[in-house]
Amino acid sequence: MPDDQRADLKTLGKDNDLGHLSFANENDLWNILELKAGSVTPLGIINDTENKVTVLLDKKLRGQNMLVHPNRNTATISVDFDDMLRFIENQKHNYILV
């Protein structure tokens, strides 16, 4: 989502027929994505070998560069929105544009 927005998980889940959404706990983050809290990024799906994660992306980002952590929060990289979609597809993961 754009950096000036907050994630309202209740509304996001309701408006997109996704049911109850919540942030993952530290144990799940590590076991599924090998990420620590504060370092979560769509790029983390590279470690999700069981394809448990579905990536949600805000439609407003289409045509823009996205700033994301490269699986650690000590750096930020810029990734084109369409390149991110290609990456997600290449990793055999699902995504939903919201």
C-alpha atoms as a PDB file:
ATOM      1  CA  MET A   1       0.000   0.000   0.000  1.00  0.00           C
ATOM      2  CA  PRO A   2       1.150   3.593  -0.360  1.00  0.00           C
ATOM      3  CA  ASP A   3       3.388   4.660   2.506  1.00  0.00           C
ATOM      4  CA  ASP A   4       0.912   7.317   3.679  1.00  0.00           C
ATOM      5  CA  GLN A   5      -1.822   4.737   4.320  1.00  0.00           C
ATOM      6  CA  ARG A   6      -2.474   2.496   7.314  1.00  0.00           C
ATOM      7  CA  ALA A   7      -3.498  -1.127   7.012  1.00  0.00           C
ATOM      8  CA  ASP A   8      -7.075  -1.472   8.253  1.00  0.00           C
ATOM      9  CA  LEU A   9      -7.222  -5.258   8.227  1.00  0.00           C
ATOM     10  CA  LYS A  10     -10.850  -5.455   9.314  1.00  0.00           C
ATOM     11  CA  THR A  11     -12.056  -3.284   6.421  1.00  0.00           C
ATOM     12  CA  LEU A  12      -9.602  -4.851   3.972  1.00  0.00           C
ATOM     13  CA  GLY A  13     -10.846  -8.345   4.750  1.00  0.00           C
ATOM     14  CA  LYS A  14     -14.502  -7.330   4.654  1.00  0.00           C
ATOM     15  CA  ASP A  15     -14.322  -5.239   1.463  1.00  0.00           C
ATOM     16  CA  ASN A  16     -12.455  -7.960  -0.440  1.00  0.00           C
ATOM     17  CA  ASP A  17     -14.327 -11.027   0.834  1.00  0.00           C
ATOM     18  CA  LEU A  18     -11.166 -12.287   2.532  1.00  0.00           C
ATOM     19  CA  GLY A  19     -12.631 -12.916   5.963  1.00  0.00           C
ATOM     20  CA  HIS A  20     -10.662 -12.154   9.103  1.00  0.00           C
ATOM     21  CA  LEU A  21      -7.131 -10.903   8.399  1.00  0.00           C
ATOM     22  CA  SER A  22      -4.377 -10.484  10.958  1.00  0.00           C
ATOM     23  CA  PHE A  23      -0.650  -9.913  11.059  1.00  0.00           C
ATOM     24  CA  ALA A  24       1.396 -13.078  11.511  1.00  0.00           C
ATOM     25  CA  ASN A  25       3.078 -13.726  14.824  1.00  0.00           C
ATOM     26  CA  GLU A  26       6.878 -13.852  15.080  1.00  0.00           C
ATOM     27  CA  ASN A  27       6.983 -17.648  15.119  1.00  0.00           C
ATOM     28  CA  ASP A  28       4.939 -17.973  11.913  1.00  0.00           C
ATOM     29  CA  LEU A  29       6.930 -15.220  10.216  1.00  0.00           C
ATOM     30  CA  TRP A  30      10.138 -17.085  10.881  1.00  0.00           C
ATOM     31  CA  ASN A  31       8.840 -20.582  10.127  1.00  0.00           C
ATOM     32  CA  ILE A  32       7.159 -19.636   6.849  1.00  0.00           C
ATOM     33  CA  LEU A  33       9.103 -16.657   5.477  1.00  0.00           C
ATOM     34  CA  GLU A  34      12.342 -16.720   7.502  1.00  0.00           C
ATOM     35  CA  LEU A  35      11.674 -13.077   8.369  1.00  0.00           C
ATOM     36  CA  LYS A  36      11.632 -11.198  11.644  1.00  0.00           C
ATOM     37  CA  ALA A  37       8.939  -8.695  12.625  1.00  0.00           C
ATOM     38  CA  GLY A  38       9.787  -5.337  11.081  1.00  0.00           C
ATOM     39  CA  SER A  39      11.398  -6.944   8.050  1.00  0.00           C
ATOM     40  CA  VAL A  40       8.283  -8.248   6.302  1.00  0.00           C
ATOM     41  CA  THR A  41       8.322  -7.809   2.552  1.00  0.00           C
ATOM     42  CA  PRO A  42       6.624  -9.417  -0.451  1.00  0.00           C
ATOM     43  CA  LEU A  43      10.079 -10.721  -1.373  1.00  0.00           C
ATOM     44  CA  GLY A  44       9.890 -13.035   1.640  1.00  0.00           C
ATOM     45  CA  ILE A  45       7.787 -15.472  -0.358  1.00  0.00           C
ATOM     46  CA  ILE A  46      11.037 -16.751  -1.828  1.00  0.00           C
ATOM     47  CA  ASN A  47      11.383 -18.704   1.446  1.00  0.00           C
ATOM     48  CA  ASP A  48       7.767 -19.951   1.462  1.00  0.00           C
ATOM     49  CA  THR A  49       8.383 -23.317  -0.167  1.00  0.00           C
ATOM     50  CA  GLU A  50       4.881 -24.571   0.698  1.00  0.00           C
ATOM     51  CA  ASN A  51       3.179 -21.534  -0.888  1.00  0.00           C
ATOM     52  CA  LYS A  52       1.189 -20.732   2.252  1.00  0.00           C
ATOM     53  CA  VAL A  53       1.260 -16.964   1.687  1.00  0.00           C
ATOM     54  CA  THR A  54      -0.968 -14.965  -0.641  1.00  0.00           C
ATOM     55  CA  VAL A  55       0.382 -11.479  -1.333  1.00  0.00           C
ATOM     56  CA  LEU A  56      -2.030  -8.526  -1.192  1.00  0.00           C
ATOM     57  CA  LEU A  57      -1.044  -5.486  -3.244  1.00  0.00           C
ATOM     58  CA  ASP A  58      -2.823  -2.147  -3.428  1.00  0.00           C
ATOM     59  CA  LYS A  59      -4.048  -1.339  -6.960  1.00  0.00           C
ATOM     60  CA  LYS A  60      -2.976   2.267  -6.385  1.00  0.00           C
ATOM     61  CA  LEU A  61       0.635   1.149  -6.732  1.00  0.00           C
ATOM     62  CA  ARG A  62       0.189  -0.021 -10.328  1.00  0.00           C
ATOM     63  CA  GLY A  63       2.576   1.865 -12.611  1.00  0.00           C
ATOM     64  CA  GLN A  64       4.783   2.906  -9.697  1.00  0.00           C
ATOM     65  CA  ASN A  65       7.972   1.748  -8.080  1.00  0.00           C
ATOM     66  CA  MET A  66       7.477   0.012  -4.760  1.00  0.00           C
ATOM     67  CA  LEU A  67       9.958   0.451  -1.922  1.00  0.00           C
ATOM     68  CA  VAL A  68      10.465  -2.841  -0.089  1.00  0.00           C
ATOM     69  CA  HIS A  69      12.953  -4.463   2.264  1.00  0.00           C
ATOM     70  CA  PRO A  70      15.225  -7.063   0.625  1.00  0.00           C
ATOM     71  CA  ASN A  71      14.330  -9.601   3.370  1.00  0.00           C
ATOM     72  CA  ARG A  72      16.040  -7.503   6.044  1.00  0.00           C
ATOM     73  CA  ASN A  73      15.081  -4.101   7.379  1.00  0.00           C
ATOM     74  CA  THR A  74      18.525  -2.528   7.138  1.00  0.00           C
ATOM     75  CA  ALA A  75      18.039  -1.728   3.466  1.00  0.00           C
ATOM     76  CA  THR A  76      15.324  -0.719   1.019  1.00  0.00           C
ATOM     77  CA  ILE A  77      15.127  -1.393  -2.696  1.00  0.00           C
ATOM     78  CA  SER A  78      12.886  -0.064  -5.440  1.00  0.00           C
ATOM     79  CA  VAL A  79      10.899  -2.583  -7.493  1.00  0.00           C
ATOM     80  CA  ASP A  80       8.558  -1.778 -10.357  1.00  0.00           C
ATOM     81  CA  PHE A  81       4.978  -2.907  -9.620  1.00  0.00           C
ATOM     82  CA  ASP A  82       4.774  -5.129 -12.719  1.00  0.00           C
ATOM     83  CA  ASP A  83       8.175  -6.645 -11.902  1.00  0.00           C
ATOM     84  CA  MET A  84       6.843  -7.491  -8.431  1.00  0.00           C
ATOM     85  CA  LEU A  85       3.877  -9.272 -10.004  1.00  0.00           C
ATOM     86  CA  ARG A  86       6.258 -11.236 -12.234  1.00  0.00           C
ATOM     87  CA  PHE A  87       8.355 -12.173  -9.200  1.00  0.00           C
ATOM     88  CA  ILE A  88       5.290 -13.381  -7.291  1.00  0.00           C
ATOM     89  CA  GLU A  89       4.121 -15.417 -10.285  1.00  0.00           C
ATOM     90  CA  ASN A  90       7.626 -16.829 -10.782  1.00  0.00           C
ATOM     91  CA  GLN A  91       7.570 -18.009  -7.163  1.00  0.00           C
ATOM     92  CA  LYS A  92       4.260 -19.799  -7.897  1.00  0.00           C
ATOM     93  CA  HIS A  93       2.397 -17.706  -5.318  1.00  0.00           C
ATOM     94  CA  ASN A  94      -1.019 -16.150  -5.517  1.00  0.00           C
ATOM     95  CA  TYR A  95      -1.629 -12.445  -5.222  1.00  0.00           C
ATOM     96  CA  ILE A  96      -4.725 -10.305  -4.868  1.00  0.00           C
ATOM     97  CA  LEU A  97      -4.963  -6.701  -6.028  1.00  0.00           C
ATOM     98  CA  VAL A  98      -7.050  -4.761  -3.524  1.00  0.00           C
END
